[in-house]
Amino acid sequence: MTNEELELYRRELERLNEKHEREYRRAMRKYEWDRRHYRTLSCRVPVETAQRFAKLCFRYGKTPYRALKDAVEDALRYGGV
């Protein structure tokens, strides 16, 4: 490689490194915001129940997580909690 090619290669590596640093900082800000503003709800159910629920969700085009989130929001909206 010539010196010019090495210099271009070095500059490209620096540019990529800066891009990854920006993406990392952005991801960390999002993670911190989520950590302060969100909580995870979960429960333990038998394997068969979880599998049946996952199939039901798939039939309606939702993930189990989205279905649970919707159920919690509906309970708060209509349950008067």
PDB file of N, CA and C in Angstrom:
ATOM      1  N   MET A   1       0.840  -1.189   0.000  1.00  0.00           N
ATOM      2  CA  MET A   1       0.000   0.000   0.000  1.00  0.00           C
ATOM      3  C   MET A   1       0.880   1.246   0.000  1.00  0.00           C
ATOM      4  N   THR A   2       0.396   2.236  -0.704  1.00  0.00           N
ATOM      5  CA  THR A   2       1.136   3.492  -0.717  1.00  0.00           C
ATOM      6  C   THR A   2       0.773   4.286   0.528  1.00  0.00           C
ATOM      7  N   ASN A   3       1.508   5.326   0.780  1.00  0.00           N
ATOM      8  CA  ASN A   3       1.215   6.192   1.932  1.00  0.00           C
ATOM      9  C   ASN A   3      -0.155   6.834   1.803  1.00  0.00           C
ATOM     10  N   GLU A   4      -0.526   7.196   0.583  1.00  0.00           N
ATOM     11  CA  GLU A   4      -1.853   7.802   0.373  1.00  0.00           C
ATOM     12  C   GLU A   4      -2.963   6.804   0.692  1.00  0.00           C
ATOM     13  N   GLU A   5      -2.788   5.569   0.252  1.00  0.00           N
ATOM     14  CA  GLU A   5      -3.787   4.539   0.536  1.00  0.00           C
ATOM     15  C   GLU A   5      -3.874   4.264   2.035  1.00  0.00           C
ATOM     16  N   LEU A   6      -2.734   4.226   2.701  1.00  0.00           N
ATOM     17  CA  LEU A   6      -2.734   4.038   4.157  1.00  0.00           C
ATOM     18  C   LEU A   6      -3.429   5.181   4.867  1.00  0.00           C
ATOM     19  N   GLU A   7      -3.207   6.376   4.404  1.00  0.00           N
ATOM     20  CA  GLU A   7      -3.857   7.552   5.008  1.00  0.00           C
ATOM     21  C   GLU A   7      -5.367   7.504   4.793  1.00  0.00           C
ATOM     22  N   LEU A   8      -5.800   7.146   3.591  1.00  0.00           N
ATOM     23  CA  LEU A   8      -7.237   7.014   3.326  1.00  0.00           C
ATOM     24  C   LEU A   8      -7.848   5.920   4.199  1.00  0.00           C
ATOM     25  N   TYR A   9      -7.149   4.828   4.342  1.00  0.00           N
ATOM     26  CA  TYR A   9      -7.620   3.731   5.182  1.00  0.00           C
ATOM     27  C   TYR A   9      -7.730   4.172   6.642  1.00  0.00           C
ATOM     28  N   ARG A  10      -6.740   4.881   7.128  1.00  0.00           N
ATOM     29  CA  ARG A  10      -6.755   5.375   8.509  1.00  0.00           C
ATOM     30  C   ARG A  10      -7.922   6.331   8.734  1.00  0.00           C
ATOM     31  N   ARG A  11      -8.149   7.232   7.773  1.00  0.00           N
ATOM     32  CA  ARG A  11      -9.268   8.184   7.887  1.00  0.00           C
ATOM     33  C   ARG A  11     -10.613   7.461   7.902  1.00  0.00           C
ATOM     34  N   GLU A  12     -10.738   6.442   7.062  1.00  0.00           N
ATOM     35  CA  GLU A  12     -11.987   5.675   7.025  1.00  0.00           C
ATOM     36  C   GLU A  12     -12.217   4.958   8.353  1.00  0.00           C
ATOM     37  N   LEU A  13     -11.161   4.399   8.925  1.00  0.00           N
ATOM     38  CA  LEU A  13     -11.280   3.753  10.229  1.00  0.00           C
ATOM     39  C   LEU A  13     -11.693   4.752  11.304  1.00  0.00           C
ATOM     40  N   GLU A  14     -11.128   5.942  11.287  1.00  0.00           N
ATOM     41  CA  GLU A  14     -11.502   6.973  12.263  1.00  0.00           C
ATOM     42  C   GLU A  14     -12.959   7.373  12.090  1.00  0.00           C
ATOM     43  N   ARG A  15     -13.389   7.519  10.831  1.00  0.00           N
ATOM     44  CA  ARG A  15     -14.774   7.893  10.574  1.00  0.00           C
ATOM     45  C   ARG A  15     -15.726   6.823  11.104  1.00  0.00           C
ATOM     46  N   LEU A  16     -15.403   5.560  10.840  1.00  0.00           N
ATOM     47  CA  LEU A  16     -16.243   4.475  11.329  1.00  0.00           C
ATOM     48  C   LEU A  16     -16.250   4.419  12.846  1.00  0.00           C
ATOM     49  N   ASN A  17     -15.104   4.644  13.461  1.00  0.00           N
ATOM     50  CA  ASN A  17     -15.008   4.640  14.909  1.00  0.00           C
ATOM     51  C   ASN A  17     -15.884   5.743  15.511  1.00  0.00           C
ATOM     52  N   GLU A  18     -15.848   6.937  14.928  1.00  0.00           N
ATOM     53  CA  GLU A  18     -16.682   8.033  15.408  1.00  0.00           C
ATOM     54  C   GLU A  18     -18.164   7.709  15.253  1.00  0.00           C
ATOM     55  N   LYS A  19     -18.519   7.072  14.130  1.00  0.00           N
ATOM     56  CA  LYS A  19     -19.912   6.687  13.905  1.00  0.00           C
ATOM     57  C   LYS A  19     -20.368   5.693  14.969  1.00  0.00           C
ATOM     58  N   HIS A  20     -19.550   4.694  15.261  1.00  0.00           N
ATOM     59  CA  HIS A  20     -19.903   3.700  16.272  1.00  0.00           C
ATOM     60  C   HIS A  20     -19.989   4.321  17.657  1.00  0.00           C
ATOM     61  N   GLU A  21     -19.120   5.267  17.954  1.00  0.00           N
ATOM     62  CA  GLU A  21     -19.181   5.954  19.247  1.00  0.00           C
ATOM     63  C   GLU A  21     -20.487   6.726  19.384  1.00  0.00           C
ATOM     64  N   ARG A  22     -20.896   7.420  18.320  1.00  0.00           N
ATOM     65  CA  ARG A  22     -22.166   8.162  18.352  1.00  0.00           C
ATOM     66  C   ARG A  22     -23.340   7.205  18.557  1.00  0.00           C
ATOM     67  N   GLU A  23     -23.330   6.088  17.833  1.00  0.00           N
ATOM     68  CA  GLU A  23     -24.410   5.105  17.973  1.00  0.00           C
ATOM     69  C   GLU A  23     -24.433   4.520  19.382  1.00  0.00           C
ATOM     70  N   TYR A  24     -23.267   4.258  19.938  1.00  0.00           N
ATOM     71  CA  TYR A  24     -23.185   3.721  21.294  1.00  0.00           C
ATOM     72  C   TYR A  24     -23.730   4.731  22.306  1.00  0.00           C
ATOM     73  N   ARG A  25     -23.324   5.985  22.182  1.00  0.00           N
ATOM     74  CA  ARG A  25     -23.823   7.019  23.105  1.00  0.00           C
ATOM     75  C   ARG A  25     -25.335   7.172  22.994  1.00  0.00           C
ATOM     76  N   ARG A  26     -25.858   7.129  21.768  1.00  0.00           N
ATOM     77  CA  ARG A  26     -27.303   7.240  21.556  1.00  0.00           C
ATOM     78  C   ARG A  26     -28.016   6.056  22.215  1.00  0.00           C
ATOM     79  N   ALA A  27     -27.484   4.860  22.030  1.00  0.00           N
ATOM     80  CA  ALA A  27     -28.089   3.670  22.628  1.00  0.00           C
ATOM     81  C   ALA A  27     -28.053   3.748  24.151  1.00  0.00           C
ATOM     82  N   MET A  28     -26.971   4.244  24.707  1.00  0.00           N
ATOM     83  CA  MET A  28     -26.872   4.369  26.165  1.00  0.00           C
ATOM     84  C   MET A  28     -27.857   5.396  26.706  1.00  0.00           C
ATOM     85  N   ARG A  29     -28.047   6.505  25.986  1.00  0.00           N
ATOM     86  CA  ARG A  29     -29.048   7.502  26.419  1.00  0.00           C
ATOM     87  C   ARG A  29     -30.442   6.887  26.413  1.00  0.00           C
ATOM     88  N   LYS A  30     -30.763   6.135  25.363  1.00  0.00           N
ATOM     89  CA  LYS A  30     -32.067   5.482  25.279  1.00  0.00           C
ATOM     90  C   LYS A  30     -32.223   4.468  26.408  1.00  0.00           C
ATOM     91  N   TYR A  31     -31.186   3.685  26.660  1.00  0.00           N
ATOM     92  CA  TYR A  31     -31.234   2.700  27.730  1.00  0.00           C
ATOM     93  C   TYR A  31     -31.481   3.380  29.074  1.00  0.00           C
ATOM     94  N   GLU A  32     -30.773   4.457  29.347  1.00  0.00           N
ATOM     95  CA  GLU A  32     -30.948   5.167  30.619  1.00  0.00           C
ATOM     96  C   GLU A  32     -32.346   5.755  30.735  1.00  0.00           C
ATOM     97  N   TRP A  33     -32.869   6.316  29.641  1.00  0.00           N
ATOM     98  CA  TRP A  33     -34.223   6.884  29.665  1.00  0.00           C
ATOM     99  C   TRP A  33     -35.228   5.773  29.941  1.00  0.00           C
ATOM    100  N   ASP A  34     -35.101   4.654  29.244  1.00  0.00           N
ATOM    101  CA  ASP A  34     -36.002   3.526  29.465  1.00  0.00           C
ATOM    102  C   ASP A  34     -35.898   3.016  30.898  1.00  0.00           C
ATOM    103  N   ARG A  35     -34.700   2.954  31.429  1.00  0.00           N
ATOM    104  CA  ARG A  35     -34.494   2.453  32.790  1.00  0.00           C
ATOM    105  C   ARG A  35     -35.201   3.331  33.817  1.00  0.00           C
ATOM    106  N   ARG A  36     -35.228   4.637  33.563  1.00  0.00           N
ATOM    107  CA  ARG A  36     -35.902   5.558  34.487  1.00  0.00           C
ATOM    108  C   ARG A  36     -37.414   5.564  34.314  1.00  0.00           C
ATOM    109  N   HIS A  37     -37.916   5.331  33.105  1.00  0.00           N
ATOM    110  CA  HIS A  37     -39.330   5.544  32.821  1.00  0.00           C
ATOM    111  C   HIS A  37     -40.157   4.285  32.591  1.00  0.00           C
ATOM    112  N   TYR A  38     -39.549   3.121  32.491  1.00  0.00           N
ATOM    113  CA  TYR A  38     -40.284   1.890  32.223  1.00  0.00           C
ATOM    114  C   TYR A  38     -39.972   0.827  33.261  1.00  0.00           C
ATOM    115  N   ARG A  39     -40.936  -0.053  33.463  1.00  0.00           N
ATOM    116  CA  ARG A  39     -40.749  -1.227  34.319  1.00  0.00           C
ATOM    117  C   ARG A  39     -41.292  -2.439  33.575  1.00  0.00           C
ATOM    118  N   THR A  40     -40.736  -3.589  33.872  1.00  0.00           N
ATOM    119  CA  THR A  40     -41.170  -4.831  33.258  1.00  0.00           C
ATOM    120  C   THR A  40     -42.132  -5.541  34.195  1.00  0.00           C
ATOM    121  N   LEU A  41     -43.258  -5.973  33.641  1.00  0.00           N
ATOM    122  CA  LEU A  41     -44.210  -6.788  34.387  1.00  0.00           C
ATOM    123  C   LEU A  41     -44.086  -8.205  33.870  1.00  0.00           C
ATOM    124  N   SER A  42     -44.134  -9.158  34.779  1.00  0.00           N
ATOM    125  CA  SER A  42     -44.044 -10.548  34.338  1.00  0.00           C
ATOM    126  C   SER A  42     -44.747 -11.439  35.349  1.00  0.00           C
ATOM    127  N   CYS A  43     -45.006 -12.650  34.926  1.00  0.00           N
ATOM    128  CA  CYS A  43     -45.578 -13.641  35.827  1.00  0.00           C
ATOM    129  C   CYS A  43     -45.134 -15.017  35.360  1.00  0.00           C
ATOM    130  N   ARG A  44     -45.218 -15.960  36.251  1.00  0.00           N
ATOM    131  CA  ARG A  44     -44.833 -17.329  35.912  1.00  0.00           C
ATOM    132  C   ARG A  44     -46.106 -18.116  35.643  1.00  0.00           C
ATOM    133  N   VAL A  45     -46.100 -18.833  34.538  1.00  0.00           N
ATOM    134  CA  VAL A  45     -47.224 -19.708  34.184  1.00  0.00           C
ATOM    135  C   VAL A  45     -46.637 -21.043  33.723  1.00  0.00           C
ATOM    136  N   PRO A  46     -47.454 -22.090  33.746  1.00  0.00           N
ATOM    137  CA  PRO A  46     -46.965 -23.378  33.240  1.00  0.00           C
ATOM    138  C   PRO A  46     -46.603 -23.274  31.751  1.00  0.00           C
ATOM    139  N   VAL A  47     -45.674 -24.119  31.345  1.00  0.00           N
ATOM    140  CA  VAL A  47     -45.180 -24.107  29.965  1.00  0.00           C
ATOM    141  C   VAL A  47     -46.330 -24.244  28.978  1.00  0.00           C
ATOM    142  N   GLU A  48     -47.238 -25.161  29.234  1.00  0.00           N
ATOM    143  CA  GLU A  48     -48.363 -25.378  28.317  1.00  0.00           C
ATOM    144  C   GLU A  48     -49.200 -24.110  28.172  1.00  0.00           C
ATOM    145  N   THR A  49     -49.443 -23.426  29.268  1.00  0.00           N
ATOM    146  CA  THR A  49     -50.215 -22.181  29.213  1.00  0.00           C
ATOM    147  C   THR A  49     -49.493 -21.128  28.386  1.00  0.00           C
ATOM    148  N   ALA A  50     -48.198 -21.017  28.591  1.00  0.00           N
ATOM    149  CA  ALA A  50     -47.418 -20.028  27.830  1.00  0.00           C
ATOM    150  C   ALA A  50     -47.437 -20.351  26.342  1.00  0.00           C
ATOM    151  N   GLN A  51     -47.333 -21.623  25.994  1.00  0.00           N
ATOM    152  CA  GLN A  51     -47.351 -22.013  24.584  1.00  0.00           C
ATOM    153  C   GLN A  51     -48.711 -21.745  23.956  1.00  0.00           C
ATOM    154  N   ARG A  52     -49.779 -22.058  24.682  1.00  0.00           N
ATOM    155  CA  ARG A  52     -51.125 -21.789  24.156  1.00  0.00           C
ATOM    156  C   ARG A  52     -51.337 -20.290  23.971  1.00  0.00           C
ATOM    157  N   PHE A  53     -50.844 -19.503  24.922  1.00  0.00           N
ATOM    158  CA  PHE A  53     -50.988 -18.048  24.822  1.00  0.00           C
ATOM    159  C   PHE A  53     -50.199 -17.511  23.628  1.00  0.00           C
ATOM    160  N   ALA A  54     -48.997 -18.020  23.414  1.00  0.00           N
ATOM    161  CA  ALA A  54     -48.182 -17.580  22.280  1.00  0.00           C
ATOM    162  C   ALA A  54     -48.868 -17.907  20.958  1.00  0.00           C
ATOM    163  N   LYS A  55     -49.480 -19.085  20.855  1.00  0.00           N
ATOM    164  CA  LYS A  55     -50.208 -19.460  19.639  1.00  0.00           C
ATOM    165  C   LYS A  55     -51.406 -18.534  19.416  1.00  0.00           C
ATOM    166  N   LEU A  56     -52.116 -18.234  20.493  1.00  0.00           N
ATOM    167  CA  LEU A  56     -53.264 -17.333  20.386  1.00  0.00           C
ATOM    168  C   LEU A  56     -52.821 -15.948  19.921  1.00  0.00           C
ATOM    169  N   CYS A  57     -51.743 -15.459  20.484  1.00  0.00           N
ATOM    170  CA  CYS A  57     -51.220 -14.146  20.081  1.00  0.00           C
ATOM    171  C   CYS A  57     -50.824 -14.166  18.605  1.00  0.00           C
ATOM    172  N   PHE A  58     -50.162 -15.239  18.191  1.00  0.00           N
ATOM    173  CA  PHE A  58     -49.737 -15.353  16.795  1.00  0.00           C
ATOM    174  C   PHE A  58     -50.949 -15.314  15.869  1.00  0.00           C
ATOM    175  N   ARG A  59     -52.015 -15.981  16.272  1.00  0.00           N
ATOM    176  CA  ARG A  59     -53.235 -16.000  15.465  1.00  0.00           C
ATOM    177  C   ARG A  59     -53.788 -14.587  15.264  1.00  0.00           C
ATOM    178  N   TYR A  60     -53.637 -13.740  16.277  1.00  0.00           N
ATOM    179  CA  TYR A  60     -54.143 -12.367  16.183  1.00  0.00           C
ATOM    180  C   TYR A  60     -53.085 -11.363  15.742  1.00  0.00           C
ATOM    181  N   GLY A  61     -51.910 -11.850  15.385  1.00  0.00           N
ATOM    182  CA  GLY A  61     -50.876 -10.981  14.850  1.00  0.00           C
ATOM    183  C   GLY A  61     -50.189 -10.088  15.880  1.00  0.00           C
ATOM    184  N   LYS A  62     -50.098 -10.580  17.104  1.00  0.00           N
ATOM    185  CA  LYS A  62     -49.430  -9.820  18.163  1.00  0.00           C
ATOM    186  C   LYS A  62     -48.356 -10.680  18.800  1.00  0.00           C
ATOM    187  N   THR A  63     -47.393 -10.007  19.394  1.00  0.00           N
ATOM    188  CA  THR A  63     -46.448 -10.749  20.218  1.00  0.00           C
ATOM    189  C   THR A  63     -47.079 -10.925  21.594  1.00  0.00           C
ATOM    190  N   PRO A  64     -46.660 -11.926  22.349  1.00  0.00           N
ATOM    191  CA  PRO A  64     -47.187 -12.072  23.709  1.00  0.00           C
ATOM    192  C   PRO A  64     -46.935 -10.820  24.555  1.00  0.00           C
ATOM    193  N   TYR A  65     -45.804 -10.153  24.326  1.00  0.00           N
ATOM    194  CA  TYR A  65     -45.486  -8.951  25.100  1.00  0.00           C
ATOM    195  C   TYR A  65     -46.474  -7.838  24.791  1.00  0.00           C
ATOM    196  N   ARG A  66     -46.789  -7.671  23.509  1.00  0.00           N
ATOM    197  CA  ARG A  66     -47.743  -6.631  23.112  1.00  0.00           C
ATOM    198  C   ARG A  66     -49.134  -6.943  23.654  1.00  0.00           C
ATOM    199  N   ALA A  67     -49.522  -8.221  23.613  1.00  0.00           N
ATOM    200  CA  ALA A  67     -50.836  -8.613  24.131  1.00  0.00           C
ATOM    201  C   ALA A  67     -50.928  -8.331  25.630  1.00  0.00           C
ATOM    202  N   LEU A  68     -49.873  -8.634  26.377  1.00  0.00           N
ATOM    203  CA  LEU A  68     -49.886  -8.349  27.815  1.00  0.00           C
ATOM    204  C   LEU A  68     -49.929  -6.853  28.079  1.00  0.00           C
ATOM    205  N   LYS A  69     -49.173  -6.087  27.306  1.00  0.00           N
ATOM    206  CA  LYS A  69     -49.178  -4.631  27.470  1.00  0.00           C
ATOM    207  C   LYS A  69     -50.579  -4.082  27.204  1.00  0.00           C
ATOM    208  N   ASP A  70     -51.211  -4.545  26.135  1.00  0.00           N
ATOM    209  CA  ASP A  70     -52.572  -4.100  25.820  1.00  0.00           C
ATOM    210  C   ASP A  70     -53.546  -4.480  26.930  1.00  0.00           C
ATOM    211  N   ALA A  71     -53.401  -5.695  27.492  1.00  0.00           N
ATOM    212  CA  ALA A  71     -54.281  -6.135  28.572  1.00  0.00           C
ATOM    213  C   ALA A  71     -54.116  -5.258  29.810  1.00  0.00           C
ATOM    214  N   VAL A  72     -52.881  -4.903  30.141  1.00  0.00           N
ATOM    215  CA  VAL A  72     -52.644  -4.028  31.299  1.00  0.00           C
ATOM    216  C   VAL A  72     -53.257  -2.653  31.056  1.00  0.00           C
ATOM    217  N   GLU A  73     -53.031  -2.093  29.871  1.00  0.00           N
ATOM    218  CA  GLU A  73     -53.591  -0.779  29.559  1.00  0.00           C
ATOM    219  C   GLU A  73     -55.112  -0.800  29.564  1.00  0.00           C
ATOM    220  N   ASP A  74     -55.728  -1.873  29.028  1.00  0.00           N
ATOM    221  CA  ASP A  74     -57.189  -1.988  29.054  1.00  0.00           C
ATOM    222  C   ASP A  74     -57.701  -2.106  30.483  1.00  0.00           C
ATOM    223  N   ALA A  75     -57.017  -2.882  31.313  1.00  0.00           N
ATOM    224  CA  ALA A  75     -57.425  -3.026  32.704  1.00  0.00           C
ATOM    225  C   ALA A  75     -57.401  -1.679  33.426  1.00  0.00           C
ATOM    226  N   LEU A  76     -56.391  -0.886  33.165  1.00  0.00           N
ATOM    227  CA  LEU A  76     -56.307   0.430  33.810  1.00  0.00           C
ATOM    228  C   LEU A  76     -57.346   1.392  33.238  1.00  0.00           C
ATOM    229  N   ARG A  77     -57.591   1.295  31.950  1.00  0.00           N
ATOM    230  CA  ARG A  77     -58.540   2.203  31.293  1.00  0.00           C
ATOM    231  C   ARG A  77     -59.973   1.865  31.680  1.00  0.00           C
ATOM    232  N   TYR A  78     -60.345   0.590  31.670  1.00  0.00           N
ATOM    233  CA  TYR A  78     -61.727   0.199  31.857  1.00  0.00           C
ATOM    234  C   TYR A  78     -62.006  -0.427  33.227  1.00  0.00           C
ATOM    235  N   GLY A  79     -60.977  -0.792  33.935  1.00  0.00           N
ATOM    236  CA  GLY A  79     -61.167  -1.446  35.228  1.00  0.00           C
ATOM    237  C   GLY A  79     -61.272  -0.500  36.391  1.00  0.00           C
ATOM    238  N   GLY A  80     -60.996   0.762  36.140  1.00  0.00           N
ATOM    239  CA  GLY A  80     -61.107   1.748  37.209  1.00  0.00           C
ATOM    240  C   GLY A  80     -59.999   1.643  38.240  1.00  0.00           C
ATOM    241  N   VAL A  81     -58.915   1.017  37.891  1.00  0.00           N
ATOM    242  CA  VAL A  81     -57.797   0.870  38.845  1.00  0.00           C
ATOM    243  C   VAL A  81     -56.978   2.138  38.839  1.00  0.00           C
TER     244      VAL A  81
END
